[in-house]
Amino acid sequence: MAKCDEGYLCDVCGQDVAHLSDSDLYLRYIVGMLDPEVLHTTPERHIGCNPTLAQFIVADDFAPVSVAGPFDKRALDPEYVVEQQQLLTRGWHRLKEISNLEIPIIEYPLPEVLEQNKRGLE
């Protein structure tokens, strides 16, 4: 099978990241953690295969994720945790929203990330 026929394989578990709403790559892009210039060269993974990021998604329809060790959000600065939970939960909701839209990839990010990207081009 040609590489392009394989889809996007998770670099952690090796399984197909079949749905956009499961994509750690696009979640990070949406919230501004990933420069759009490297989107096509960055490895993909499932959100759940990146527990240090997934633990910050707090939503009724997202299974809570726990992390043991120094990156456990319970061991981090509470203000930072609140900021990350707000950002990544909003990003995850946006990820689910765009899964049902036919919009260009440049319109995927959150509004403040779009503005930041636009300023970077000026």
PDB file of N, CA and C in Angstrom:
ATOM      1  N   MET A   1       0.843  -1.172   0.000  1.00  0.00           N
ATOM      2  CA  MET A   1       0.000   0.000   0.000  1.00  0.00           C
ATOM      3  C   MET A   1       0.892   1.240   0.000  1.00  0.00           C
ATOM      4  N   ALA A   2       0.553   2.188  -0.841  1.00  0.00           N
ATOM      5  CA  ALA A   2       1.298   3.443  -0.897  1.00  0.00           C
ATOM      6  C   ALA A   2       1.096   4.217   0.394  1.00  0.00           C
ATOM      7  N   LYS A   3       2.117   4.983   0.775  1.00  0.00           N
ATOM      8  CA  LYS A   3       2.058   5.766   2.017  1.00  0.00           C
ATOM      9  C   LYS A   3       0.813   6.657   2.041  1.00  0.00           C
ATOM     10  N   CYS A   4       0.479   7.278   0.903  1.00  0.00           N
ATOM     11  CA  CYS A   4      -0.673   8.183   0.871  1.00  0.00           C
ATOM     12  C   CYS A   4      -2.003   7.442   1.024  1.00  0.00           C
ATOM     13  N   ASP A   5      -2.001   6.134   0.791  1.00  0.00           N
ATOM     14  CA  ASP A   5      -3.223   5.344   0.934  1.00  0.00           C
ATOM     15  C   ASP A   5      -3.443   4.861   2.366  1.00  0.00           C
ATOM     16  N   GLU A   6      -2.458   5.068   3.236  1.00  0.00           N
ATOM     17  CA  GLU A   6      -2.545   4.584   4.606  1.00  0.00           C
ATOM     18  C   GLU A   6      -3.371   5.475   5.514  1.00  0.00           C
ATOM     19  N   GLY A   7      -3.621   6.705   5.109  1.00  0.00           N
ATOM     20  CA  GLY A   7      -4.322   7.638   5.985  1.00  0.00           C
ATOM     21  C   GLY A   7      -3.351   8.224   6.981  1.00  0.00           C
ATOM     22  N   TYR A   8      -3.873   8.726   8.067  1.00  0.00           N
ATOM     23  CA  TYR A   8      -3.036   9.317   9.101  1.00  0.00           C
ATOM     24  C   TYR A   8      -2.900   8.321  10.240  1.00  0.00           C
ATOM     25  N   LEU A   9      -1.711   7.775  10.395  1.00  0.00           N
ATOM     26  CA  LEU A   9      -1.471   6.782  11.428  1.00  0.00           C
ATOM     27  C   LEU A   9      -0.908   7.464  12.669  1.00  0.00           C
ATOM     28  N   CYS A  10      -1.391   7.044  13.822  1.00  0.00           N
ATOM     29  CA  CYS A  10      -0.939   7.577  15.100  1.00  0.00           C
ATOM     30  C   CYS A  10       0.508   7.142  15.336  1.00  0.00           C
ATOM     31  N   ASP A  11       1.379   8.111  15.649  1.00  0.00           N
ATOM     32  CA  ASP A  11       2.775   7.767  15.887  1.00  0.00           C
ATOM     33  C   ASP A  11       3.008   7.139  17.261  1.00  0.00           C
ATOM     34  N   VAL A  12       1.951   7.007  18.062  1.00  0.00           N
ATOM     35  CA  VAL A  12       2.060   6.352  19.367  1.00  0.00           C
ATOM     36  C   VAL A  12       1.561   4.912  19.297  1.00  0.00           C
ATOM     37  N   CYS A  13       0.310   4.740  18.850  1.00  0.00           N
ATOM     38  CA  CYS A  13      -0.282   3.396  18.840  1.00  0.00           C
ATOM     39  C   CYS A  13      -0.256   2.722  17.471  1.00  0.00           C
ATOM     40  N   GLY A  14       0.008   3.490  16.418  1.00  0.00           N
ATOM     41  CA  GLY A  14       0.090   2.937  15.076  1.00  0.00           C
ATOM     42  C   GLY A  14      -1.236   2.750  14.368  1.00  0.00           C
ATOM     43  N   GLN A  15      -2.343   3.029  15.059  1.00  0.00           N
ATOM     44  CA  GLN A  15      -3.671   2.868  14.462  1.00  0.00           C
ATOM     45  C   GLN A  15      -4.060   4.116  13.660  1.00  0.00           C
ATOM     46  N   ASP A  16      -5.015   3.959  12.772  1.00  0.00           N
ATOM     47  CA  ASP A  16      -5.502   5.057  11.950  1.00  0.00           C
ATOM     48  C   ASP A  16      -6.219   6.098  12.815  1.00  0.00           C
ATOM     49  N   VAL A  17      -5.914   7.363  12.586  1.00  0.00           N
ATOM     50  CA  VAL A  17      -6.668   8.453  13.213  1.00  0.00           C
ATOM     51  C   VAL A  17      -7.768   8.772  12.201  1.00  0.00           C
ATOM     52  N   ALA A  18      -8.846   8.036  12.306  1.00  0.00           N
ATOM     53  CA  ALA A  18      -9.880   8.030  11.275  1.00  0.00           C
ATOM     54  C   ALA A  18     -10.780   9.252  11.290  1.00  0.00           C
ATOM     55  N   HIS A  19     -10.932   9.895  12.438  1.00  0.00           N
ATOM     56  CA  HIS A  19     -11.856  11.018  12.541  1.00  0.00           C
ATOM     57  C   HIS A  19     -11.115  12.275  12.969  1.00  0.00           C
ATOM     58  N   LEU A  20     -11.441  13.361  12.337  1.00  0.00           N
ATOM     59  CA  LEU A  20     -10.826  14.640  12.675  1.00  0.00           C
ATOM     60  C   LEU A  20     -10.993  14.959  14.152  1.00  0.00           C
ATOM     61  N   SER A  21     -12.124  14.594  14.717  1.00  0.00           N
ATOM     62  CA  SER A  21     -12.388  14.895  16.127  1.00  0.00           C
ATOM     63  C   SER A  21     -11.501  14.099  17.084  1.00  0.00           C
ATOM     64  N   ASP A  22     -10.724  13.151  16.576  1.00  0.00           N
ATOM     65  CA  ASP A  22      -9.779  12.374  17.390  1.00  0.00           C
ATOM     66  C   ASP A  22      -8.337  12.835  17.200  1.00  0.00           C
ATOM     67  N   SER A  23      -8.130  13.877  16.406  1.00  0.00           N
ATOM     68  CA  SER A  23      -6.798  14.280  15.986  1.00  0.00           C
ATOM     69  C   SER A  23      -6.102  15.238  16.949  1.00  0.00           C
ATOM     70  N   ASP A  24      -5.044  14.775  17.554  1.00  0.00           N
ATOM     71  CA  ASP A  24      -4.189  15.619  18.385  1.00  0.00           C
ATOM     72  C   ASP A  24      -3.509  16.686  17.533  1.00  0.00           C
ATOM     73  N   LEU A  25      -3.108  16.333  16.332  1.00  0.00           N
ATOM     74  CA  LEU A  25      -2.445  17.253  15.415  1.00  0.00           C
ATOM     75  C   LEU A  25      -3.332  18.469  15.136  1.00  0.00           C
ATOM     76  N   TYR A  26      -4.566  18.220  14.759  1.00  0.00           N
ATOM     77  CA  TYR A  26      -5.462  19.329  14.427  1.00  0.00           C
ATOM     78  C   TYR A  26      -5.941  20.068  15.667  1.00  0.00           C
ATOM     79  N   LEU A  27      -6.051  19.394  16.791  1.00  0.00           N
ATOM     80  CA  LEU A  27      -6.382  20.101  18.029  1.00  0.00           C
ATOM     81  C   LEU A  27      -5.287  21.108  18.349  1.00  0.00           C
ATOM     82  N   ARG A  28      -4.037  20.682  18.266  1.00  0.00           N
ATOM     83  CA  ARG A  28      -2.924  21.585  18.550  1.00  0.00           C
ATOM     84  C   ARG A  28      -2.873  22.733  17.544  1.00  0.00           C
ATOM     85  N   TYR A  29      -3.203  22.464  16.294  1.00  0.00           N
ATOM     86  CA  TYR A  29      -3.261  23.513  15.266  1.00  0.00           C
ATOM     87  C   TYR A  29      -4.366  24.523  15.593  1.00  0.00           C
ATOM     88  N   ILE A  30      -5.524  24.036  15.958  1.00  0.00           N
ATOM     89  CA  ILE A  30      -6.681  24.884  16.258  1.00  0.00           C
ATOM     90  C   ILE A  30      -6.413  25.833  17.421  1.00  0.00           C
ATOM     91  N   VAL A  31      -5.686  25.362  18.430  1.00  0.00           N
ATOM     92  CA  VAL A  31      -5.445  26.201  19.616  1.00  0.00           C
ATOM     93  C   VAL A  31      -4.150  27.006  19.514  1.00  0.00           C
ATOM     94  N   GLY A  32      -3.438  26.884  18.414  1.00  0.00           N
ATOM     95  CA  GLY A  32      -2.240  27.686  18.208  1.00  0.00           C
ATOM     96  C   GLY A  32      -0.953  27.096  18.741  1.00  0.00           C
ATOM     97  N   MET A  33      -0.956  25.822  19.090  1.00  0.00           N
ATOM     98  CA  MET A  33       0.264  25.176  19.584  1.00  0.00           C
ATOM     99  C   MET A  33       1.139  24.650  18.451  1.00  0.00           C
ATOM    100  N   LEU A  34       0.618  24.715  17.245  1.00  0.00           N
ATOM    101  CA  LEU A  34       1.334  24.177  16.100  1.00  0.00           C
ATOM    102  C   LEU A  34       1.288  25.190  14.975  1.00  0.00           C
ATOM    103  N   ASP A  35       2.438  25.579  14.496  1.00  0.00           N
ATOM    104  CA  ASP A  35       2.549  26.530  13.395  1.00  0.00           C
ATOM    105  C   ASP A  35       1.948  25.908  12.132  1.00  0.00           C
ATOM    106  N   PRO A  36       1.130  26.662  11.408  1.00  0.00           N
ATOM    107  CA  PRO A  36       0.512  26.105  10.199  1.00  0.00           C
ATOM    108  C   PRO A  36       1.538  25.646   9.161  1.00  0.00           C
ATOM    109  N   GLU A  37       2.730  26.223   9.188  1.00  0.00           N
ATOM    110  CA  GLU A  37       3.769  25.853   8.221  1.00  0.00           C
ATOM    111  C   GLU A  37       4.301  24.433   8.418  1.00  0.00           C
ATOM    112  N   VAL A  38       4.125  23.870   9.608  1.00  0.00           N
ATOM    113  CA  VAL A  38       4.637  22.520   9.858  1.00  0.00           C
ATOM    114  C   VAL A  38       3.519  21.487  10.008  1.00  0.00           C
ATOM    115  N   LEU A  39       2.309  21.911   9.744  1.00  0.00           N
ATOM    116  CA  LEU A  39       1.161  21.012   9.882  1.00  0.00           C
ATOM    117  C   LEU A  39       1.331  19.749   9.044  1.00  0.00           C
ATOM    118  N   HIS A  40       1.807  19.900   7.824  1.00  0.00           N
ATOM    119  CA  HIS A  40       1.933  18.754   6.917  1.00  0.00           C
ATOM    120  C   HIS A  40       3.147  17.867   7.205  1.00  0.00           C
ATOM    121  N   THR A  41       4.057  18.315   8.073  1.00  0.00           N
ATOM    122  CA  THR A  41       5.255  17.518   8.369  1.00  0.00           C
ATOM    123  C   THR A  41       5.277  16.983   9.800  1.00  0.00           C
ATOM    124  N   THR A  42       4.260  17.314  10.587  1.00  0.00           N
ATOM    125  CA  THR A  42       4.214  16.904  11.984  1.00  0.00           C
ATOM    126  C   THR A  42       3.477  15.570  12.118  1.00  0.00           C
ATOM    127  N   PRO A  43       4.019  14.647  12.891  1.00  0.00           N
ATOM    128  CA  PRO A  43       3.348  13.348  13.070  1.00  0.00           C
ATOM    129  C   PRO A  43       1.967  13.499  13.718  1.00  0.00           C
ATOM    130  N   GLU A  44       1.088  12.603  13.373  1.00  0.00           N
ATOM    131  CA  GLU A  44      -0.279  12.586  13.883  1.00  0.00           C
ATOM    132  C   GLU A  44      -0.363  11.632  15.061  1.00  0.00           C
ATOM    133  N   ARG A  45      -1.341  11.855  15.914  1.00  0.00           N
ATOM    134  CA  ARG A  45      -1.653  10.905  16.991  1.00  0.00           C
ATOM    135  C   ARG A  45      -3.092  11.157  17.431  1.00  0.00           C
ATOM    136  N   HIS A  46      -3.650  10.181  18.109  1.00  0.00           N
ATOM    137  CA  HIS A  46      -4.977  10.349  18.704  1.00  0.00           C
ATOM    138  C   HIS A  46      -4.853  11.284  19.907  1.00  0.00           C
ATOM    139  N   ILE A  47      -5.893  12.025  20.185  1.00  0.00           N
ATOM    140  CA  ILE A  47      -5.883  12.888  21.369  1.00  0.00           C
ATOM    141  C   ILE A  47      -5.597  12.045  22.614  1.00  0.00           C
ATOM    142  N   GLY A  48      -6.223  10.902  22.707  1.00  0.00           N
ATOM    143  CA  GLY A  48      -6.029  10.033  23.862  1.00  0.00           C
ATOM    144  C   GLY A  48      -4.624   9.451  23.971  1.00  0.00           C
ATOM    145  N   CYS A  49      -3.881   9.472  22.877  1.00  0.00           N
ATOM    146  CA  CYS A  49      -2.499   8.982  22.907  1.00  0.00           C
ATOM    147  C   CYS A  49      -1.532  10.083  23.338  1.00  0.00           C
ATOM    148  N   ASN A  50      -2.052  11.245  23.651  1.00  0.00           N
ATOM    149  CA  ASN A  50      -1.265  12.345  24.196  1.00  0.00           C
ATOM    150  C   ASN A  50      -1.931  12.786  25.501  1.00  0.00           C
ATOM    151  N   PRO A  51      -1.827  11.967  26.551  1.00  0.00           N
ATOM    152  CA  PRO A  51      -2.551  12.248  27.791  1.00  0.00           C
ATOM    153  C   PRO A  51      -2.168  13.559  28.465  1.00  0.00           C
ATOM    154  N   THR A  52      -0.933  14.028  28.287  1.00  0.00           N
ATOM    155  CA  THR A  52      -0.562  15.299  28.916  1.00  0.00           C
ATOM    156  C   THR A  52      -1.351  16.459  28.340  1.00  0.00           C
ATOM    157  N   LEU A  53      -1.791  16.343  27.107  1.00  0.00           N
ATOM    158  CA  LEU A  53      -2.655  17.348  26.498  1.00  0.00           C
ATOM    159  C   LEU A  53      -4.127  17.032  26.791  1.00  0.00           C
ATOM    160  N   ALA A  54      -4.513  15.781  26.615  1.00  0.00           N
ATOM    161  CA  ALA A  54      -5.911  15.365  26.765  1.00  0.00           C
ATOM    162  C   ALA A  54      -6.467  15.622  28.161  1.00  0.00           C
ATOM    163  N   GLN A  55      -5.623  15.605  29.178  1.00  0.00           N
ATOM    164  CA  GLN A  55      -6.100  15.819  30.546  1.00  0.00           C
ATOM    165  C   GLN A  55      -6.729  17.202  30.739  1.00  0.00           C
ATOM    166  N   PHE A  56      -6.428  18.125  29.839  1.00  0.00           N
ATOM    167  CA  PHE A  56      -6.962  19.477  29.974  1.00  0.00           C
ATOM    168  C   PHE A  56      -8.325  19.664  29.302  1.00  0.00           C
ATOM    169  N   ILE A  57      -8.804  18.654  28.595  1.00  0.00           N
ATOM    170  CA  ILE A  57     -10.131  18.737  27.986  1.00  0.00           C
ATOM    171  C   ILE A  57     -11.150  18.329  29.038  1.00  0.00           C
ATOM    172  N   VAL A  58     -12.022  19.267  29.361  1.00  0.00           N
ATOM    173  CA  VAL A  58     -13.032  19.031  30.393  1.00  0.00           C
ATOM    174  C   VAL A  58     -14.396  19.256  29.748  1.00  0.00           C
ATOM    175  N   ALA A  59     -15.044  18.156  29.381  1.00  0.00           N
ATOM    176  CA  ALA A  59     -16.343  18.230  28.714  1.00  0.00           C
ATOM    177  C   ALA A  59     -17.125  16.962  29.037  1.00  0.00           C
ATOM    178  N   ASP A  60     -18.431  17.101  29.112  1.00  0.00           N
ATOM    179  CA  ASP A  60     -19.281  15.956  29.440  1.00  0.00           C
ATOM    180  C   ASP A  60     -19.117  14.807  28.448  1.00  0.00           C
ATOM    181  N   ASP A  61     -18.854  15.144  27.175  1.00  0.00           N
ATOM    182  CA  ASP A  61     -18.750  14.112  26.153  1.00  0.00           C
ATOM    183  C   ASP A  61     -17.299  13.741  25.821  1.00  0.00           C
ATOM    184  N   PHE A  62     -16.391  14.022  26.757  1.00  0.00           N
ATOM    185  CA  PHE A  62     -14.995  13.614  26.616  1.00  0.00           C
ATOM    186  C   PHE A  62     -14.587  12.875  27.880  1.00  0.00           C
ATOM    187  N   ALA A  63     -14.120  11.657  27.709  1.00  0.00           N
ATOM    188  CA  ALA A  63     -13.725  10.844  28.872  1.00  0.00           C
ATOM    189  C   ALA A  63     -12.514  11.473  29.562  1.00  0.00           C
ATOM    190  N   PRO A  64     -12.613  11.712  30.862  1.00  0.00           N
ATOM    191  CA  PRO A  64     -11.486  12.321  31.589  1.00  0.00           C
ATOM    192  C   PRO A  64     -10.214  11.482  31.464  1.00  0.00           C
ATOM    193  N   VAL A  65      -9.098  12.182  31.378  1.00  0.00           N
ATOM    194  CA  VAL A  65      -7.798  11.544  31.248  1.00  0.00           C
ATOM    195  C   VAL A  65      -6.951  11.949  32.447  1.00  0.00           C
ATOM    196  N   SER A  66      -6.267  10.994  33.034  1.00  0.00           N
ATOM    197  CA  SER A  66      -5.357  11.263  34.153  1.00  0.00           C
ATOM    198  C   SER A  66      -3.935  10.986  33.717  1.00  0.00           C
ATOM    199  N   VAL A  67      -3.026  11.750  34.290  1.00  0.00           N
ATOM    200  CA  VAL A  67      -1.609  11.593  34.004  1.00  0.00           C
ATOM    201  C   VAL A  67      -0.884  11.404  35.331  1.00  0.00           C
ATOM    202  N   ALA A  68      -0.050  10.404  35.399  1.00  0.00           N
ATOM    203  CA  ALA A  68       0.754  10.196  36.603  1.00  0.00           C
ATOM    204  C   ALA A  68       2.104  10.874  36.411  1.00  0.00           C
ATOM    205  N   GLY A  69       2.611  11.441  37.476  1.00  0.00           N
ATOM    206  CA  GLY A  69       3.945  12.017  37.407  1.00  0.00           C
ATOM    207  C   GLY A  69       3.946  13.536  37.376  1.00  0.00           C
ATOM    208  N   PRO A  70       5.077  14.103  36.989  1.00  0.00           N
ATOM    209  CA  PRO A  70       5.258  15.554  37.094  1.00  0.00           C
ATOM    210  C   PRO A  70       4.370  16.376  36.157  1.00  0.00           C
ATOM    211  N   PHE A  71       3.811  15.768  35.128  1.00  0.00           N
ATOM    212  CA  PHE A  71       2.955  16.516  34.203  1.00  0.00           C
ATOM    213  C   PHE A  71       1.470  16.390  34.528  1.00  0.00           C
ATOM    214  N   ASP A  72       1.146  15.733  35.624  1.00  0.00           N
ATOM    215  CA  ASP A  72      -0.227  15.629  36.115  1.00  0.00           C
ATOM    216  C   ASP A  72      -0.713  17.046  36.409  1.00  0.00           C
ATOM    217  N   LYS A  73      -1.847  17.421  35.840  1.00  0.00           N
ATOM    218  CA  LYS A  73      -2.330  18.794  36.013  1.00  0.00           C
ATOM    219  C   LYS A  73      -2.585  19.139  37.480  1.00  0.00           C
ATOM    220  N   ARG A  74      -2.799  18.128  38.300  1.00  0.00           N
ATOM    221  CA  ARG A  74      -3.005  18.390  39.731  1.00  0.00           C
ATOM    222  C   ARG A  74      -1.719  18.852  40.422  1.00  0.00           C
ATOM    223  N   ALA A  75      -0.582  18.641  39.754  1.00  0.00           N
ATOM    224  CA  ALA A  75       0.704  19.058  40.303  1.00  0.00           C
ATOM    225  C   ALA A  75       1.192  20.382  39.697  1.00  0.00           C
ATOM    226  N   LEU A  76       0.409  20.932  38.791  1.00  0.00           N
ATOM    227  CA  LEU A  76       0.804  22.157  38.101  1.00  0.00           C
ATOM    228  C   LEU A  76       0.161  23.388  38.740  1.00  0.00           C
ATOM    229  N   ASP A  77       0.638  24.557  38.350  1.00  0.00           N
ATOM    230  CA  ASP A  77       0.090  25.811  38.836  1.00  0.00           C
ATOM    231  C   ASP A  77      -1.408  25.878  38.495  1.00  0.00           C
ATOM    232  N   PRO A  78      -2.261  26.106  39.490  1.00  0.00           N
ATOM    233  CA  PRO A  78      -3.712  26.117  39.264  1.00  0.00           C
ATOM    234  C   PRO A  78      -4.165  27.128  38.202  1.00  0.00           C
ATOM    235  N   GLU A  79      -3.528  28.281  38.147  1.00  0.00           N
ATOM    236  CA  GLU A  79      -3.904  29.286  37.143  1.00  0.00           C
ATOM    237  C   GLU A  79      -3.600  28.787  35.730  1.00  0.00           C
ATOM    238  N   TYR A  80      -2.448  28.159  35.578  1.00  0.00           N
ATOM    239  CA  TYR A  80      -2.066  27.570  34.296  1.00  0.00           C
ATOM    240  C   TYR A  80      -3.056  26.476  33.894  1.00  0.00           C
ATOM    241  N   VAL A  81      -3.438  25.661  34.851  1.00  0.00           N
ATOM    242  CA  VAL A  81      -4.376  24.565  34.584  1.00  0.00           C
ATOM    243  C   VAL A  81      -5.708  25.114  34.089  1.00  0.00           C
ATOM    244  N   VAL A  82      -6.223  26.146  34.736  1.00  0.00           N
ATOM    245  CA  VAL A  82      -7.491  26.757  34.317  1.00  0.00           C
ATOM    246  C   VAL A  82      -7.370  27.287  32.886  1.00  0.00           C
ATOM    247  N   GLU A  83      -6.270  27.987  32.597  1.00  0.00           N
ATOM    248  CA  GLU A  83      -6.059  28.524  31.247  1.00  0.00           C
ATOM    249  C   GLU A  83      -6.021  27.416  30.206  1.00  0.00           C
ATOM    250  N   GLN A  84      -5.281  26.357  30.495  1.00  0.00           N
ATOM    251  CA  GLN A  84      -5.166  25.247  29.554  1.00  0.00           C
ATOM    252  C   GLN A  84      -6.493  24.506  29.382  1.00  0.00           C
ATOM    253  N   GLN A  85      -7.218  24.333  30.464  1.00  0.00           N
ATOM    254  CA  GLN A  85      -8.520  23.665  30.377  1.00  0.00           C
ATOM    255  C   GLN A  85      -9.471  24.477  29.511  1.00  0.00           C
ATOM    256  N   GLN A  86      -9.487  25.778  29.698  1.00  0.00           N
ATOM    257  CA  GLN A  86     -10.366  26.625  28.887  1.00  0.00           C
ATOM    258  C   GLN A  86      -9.971  26.562  27.413  1.00  0.00           C
ATOM    259  N   LEU A  87      -8.682  26.723  27.136  1.00  0.00           N
ATOM    260  CA  LEU A  87      -8.190  26.724  25.762  1.00  0.00           C
ATOM    261  C   LEU A  87      -8.432  25.383  25.072  1.00  0.00           C
ATOM    262  N   LEU A  88      -8.019  24.298  25.696  1.00  0.00           N
ATOM    263  CA  LEU A  88      -8.110  22.998  25.038  1.00  0.00           C
ATOM    264  C   LEU A  88      -9.534  22.468  24.971  1.00  0.00           C
ATOM    265  N   THR A  89     -10.356  22.818  25.931  1.00  0.00           N
ATOM    266  CA  THR A  89     -11.763  22.421  25.841  1.00  0.00           C
ATOM    267  C   THR A  89     -12.440  23.178  24.703  1.00  0.00           C
ATOM    268  N   ARG A  90     -12.184  24.475  24.595  1.00  0.00           N
ATOM    269  CA  ARG A  90     -12.718  25.247  23.460  1.00  0.00           C
ATOM    270  C   ARG A  90     -12.200  24.692  22.140  1.00  0.00           C
ATOM    271  N   GLY A  91     -10.909  24.364  22.115  1.00  0.00           N
ATOM    272  CA  GLY A  91     -10.314  23.805  20.907  1.00  0.00           C
ATOM    273  C   GLY A  91     -10.934  22.475  20.525  1.00  0.00           C
ATOM    274  N   TRP A  92     -11.216  21.647  21.514  1.00  0.00           N
ATOM    275  CA  TRP A  92     -11.816  20.348  21.222  1.00  0.00           C
ATOM    276  C   TRP A  92     -13.246  20.511  20.691  1.00  0.00           C
ATOM    277  N   HIS A  93     -13.982  21.451  21.262  1.00  0.00           N
ATOM    278  CA  HIS A  93     -15.327  21.731  20.741  1.00  0.00           C
ATOM    279  C   HIS A  93     -15.248  22.252  19.308  1.00  0.00           C
ATOM    280  N   ARG A  94     -14.259  23.102  19.033  1.00  0.00           N
ATOM    281  CA  ARG A  94     -14.069  23.605  17.672  1.00  0.00           C
ATOM    282  C   ARG A  94     -13.702  22.457  16.734  1.00  0.00           C
ATOM    283  N   LEU A  95     -12.861  21.559  17.181  1.00  0.00           N
ATOM    284  CA  LEU A  95     -12.467  20.403  16.379  1.00  0.00           C
ATOM    285  C   LEU A  95     -13.689  19.578  15.996  1.00  0.00           C
ATOM    286  N   LYS A  96     -14.573  19.349  16.953  1.00  0.00           N
ATOM    287  CA  LYS A  96     -15.807  18.605  16.663  1.00  0.00           C
ATOM    288  C   LYS A  96     -16.690  19.384  15.695  1.00  0.00           C
ATOM    289  N   GLU A  97     -16.754  20.697  15.870  1.00  0.00           N
ATOM    290  CA  GLU A  97     -17.578  21.548  15.010  1.00  0.00           C
ATOM    291  C   GLU A  97     -17.097  21.508  13.563  1.00  0.00           C
ATOM    292  N   ILE A  98     -15.793  21.658  13.357  1.00  0.00           N
ATOM    293  CA  ILE A  98     -15.288  21.690  11.979  1.00  0.00           C
ATOM    294  C   ILE A  98     -15.355  20.330  11.304  1.00  0.00           C
ATOM    295  N   SER A  99     -15.496  19.280  12.073  1.00  0.00           N
ATOM    296  CA  SER A  99     -15.644  17.946  11.486  1.00  0.00           C
ATOM    297  C   SER A  99     -16.880  17.871  10.597  1.00  0.00           C
ATOM    298  N   ASN A 100     -17.851  18.738  10.874  1.00  0.00           N
ATOM    299  CA  ASN A 100     -19.110  18.734  10.125  1.00  0.00           C
ATOM    300  C   ASN A 100     -19.221  19.892   9.150  1.00  0.00           C
ATOM    301  N   LEU A 101     -18.159  20.681   9.006  1.00  0.00           N
ATOM    302  CA  LEU A 101     -18.180  21.834   8.117  1.00  0.00           C
ATOM    303  C   LEU A 101     -17.258  21.599   6.928  1.00  0.00           C
ATOM    304  N   GLU A 102     -17.588  22.233   5.847  1.00  0.00           N
ATOM    305  CA  GLU A 102     -16.701  22.196   4.685  1.00  0.00           C
ATOM    306  C   GLU A 102     -16.071  23.572   4.560  1.00  0.00           C
ATOM    307  N   ILE A 103     -15.007  23.761   5.340  1.00  0.00           N
ATOM    308  CA  ILE A 103     -14.303  25.036   5.327  1.00  0.00           C
ATOM    309  C   ILE A 103     -12.831  24.776   5.050  1.00  0.00           C
ATOM    310  N   PRO A 104     -12.127  25.775   4.531  1.00  0.00           N
ATOM    311  CA  PRO A 104     -10.696  25.588   4.280  1.00  0.00           C
ATOM    312  C   PRO A 104      -9.927  25.402   5.591  1.00  0.00           C
ATOM    313  N   ILE A 105      -8.857  24.668   5.524  1.00  0.00           N
ATOM    314  CA  ILE A 105      -8.052  24.369   6.708  1.00  0.00           C
ATOM    315  C   ILE A 105      -7.547  25.642   7.394  1.00  0.00           C
ATOM    316  N   ILE A 106      -7.344  26.699   6.636  1.00  0.00           N
ATOM    317  CA  ILE A 106      -6.850  27.948   7.236  1.00  0.00           C
ATOM    318  C   ILE A 106      -7.894  28.592   8.144  1.00  0.00           C
ATOM    319  N   GLU A 107      -9.143  28.145   8.075  1.00  0.00           N
ATOM    320  CA  GLU A 107     -10.204  28.676   8.929  1.00  0.00           C
ATOM    321  C   GLU A 107     -10.504  27.793  10.139  1.00  0.00           C
ATOM    322  N   TYR A 108      -9.755  26.720  10.328  1.00  0.00           N
ATOM    323  CA  TYR A 108      -9.980  25.817  11.458  1.00  0.00           C
ATOM    324  C   TYR A 108      -9.714  26.449  12.830  1.00  0.00           C
ATOM    325  N   PRO A 109      -8.631  27.228  12.993  1.00  0.00           N
ATOM    326  CA  PRO A 109      -8.268  27.691  14.342  1.00  0.00           C
ATOM    327  C   PRO A 109      -9.317  28.560  15.028  1.00  0.00           C
ATOM    328  N   LEU A 110      -9.139  28.656  16.347  1.00  0.00           N
ATOM    329  CA  LEU A 110      -9.957  29.554  17.157  1.00  0.00           C
ATOM    330  C   LEU A 110      -9.738  30.988  16.677  1.00  0.00           C
ATOM    331  N   PRO A 111     -10.715  31.876  16.895  1.00  0.00           N
ATOM    332  CA  PRO A 111     -10.607  33.254  16.391  1.00  0.00           C
ATOM    333  C   PRO A 111      -9.317  33.971  16.791  1.00  0.00           C
ATOM    334  N   GLU A 112      -8.901  33.833  18.034  1.00  0.00           N
ATOM    335  CA  GLU A 112      -7.686  34.530  18.460  1.00  0.00           C
ATOM    336  C   GLU A 112      -6.433  33.959  17.796  1.00  0.00           C
ATOM    337  N   VAL A 113      -6.461  32.684  17.449  1.00  0.00           N
ATOM    338  CA  VAL A 113      -5.328  32.068  16.757  1.00  0.00           C
ATOM    339  C   VAL A 113      -5.316  32.537  15.301  1.00  0.00           C
ATOM    340  N   LEU A 114      -6.487  32.630  14.687  1.00  0.00           N
ATOM    341  CA  LEU A 114      -6.570  33.154  13.331  1.00  0.00           C
ATOM    342  C   LEU A 114      -5.999  34.555  13.274  1.00  0.00           C
ATOM    343  N   GLU A 115      -6.358  35.388  14.252  1.00  0.00           N
ATOM    344  CA  GLU A 115      -5.859  36.762  14.302  1.00  0.00           C
ATOM    345  C   GLU A 115      -4.340  36.775  14.475  1.00  0.00           C
ATOM    346  N   GLN A 116      -3.851  35.940  15.348  1.00  0.00           N
ATOM    347  CA  GLN A 116      -2.407  35.848  15.577  1.00  0.00           C
ATOM    348  C   GLN A 116      -1.686  35.393  14.303  1.00  0.00           C
ATOM    349  N   ASN A 117      -2.244  34.407  13.624  1.00  0.00           N
ATOM    350  CA  ASN A 117      -1.640  33.922  12.367  1.00  0.00           C
ATOM    351  C   ASN A 117      -1.647  35.020  11.314  1.00  0.00           C
ATOM    352  N   LYS A 118      -2.734  35.785  11.260  1.00  0.00           N
ATOM    353  CA  LYS A 118      -2.850  36.870  10.297  1.00  0.00           C
ATOM    354  C   LYS A 118      -1.783  37.935  10.567  1.00  0.00           C
ATOM    355  N   ARG A 119      -1.600  38.280  11.838  1.00  0.00           N
ATOM    356  CA  ARG A 119      -0.577  39.282  12.209  1.00  0.00           C
ATOM    357  C   ARG A 119       0.820  38.798  11.847  1.00  0.00           C
ATOM    358  N   GLY A 120       1.031  37.490  11.945  1.00  0.00           N
ATOM    359  CA  GLY A 120       2.330  36.920  11.611  1.00  0.00           C
ATOM    360  C   GLY A 120       2.661  37.027  10.137  1.00  0.00           C
ATOM    361  N   LEU A 121       1.645  37.135   9.303  1.00  0.00           N
ATOM    362  CA  LEU A 121       1.843  37.247   7.861  1.00  0.00           C
ATOM    363  C   LEU A 121       2.112  38.678   7.431  1.00  0.00           C
ATOM    364  N   GLU A 122       1.836  39.623   8.288  1.00  0.00           N
ATOM    365  CA  GLU A 122       1.999  41.034   7.919  1.00  0.00           C
ATOM    366  C   GLU A 122       3.425  41.491   8.048  1.00  0.00           C
TER     367      GLU A 122
END
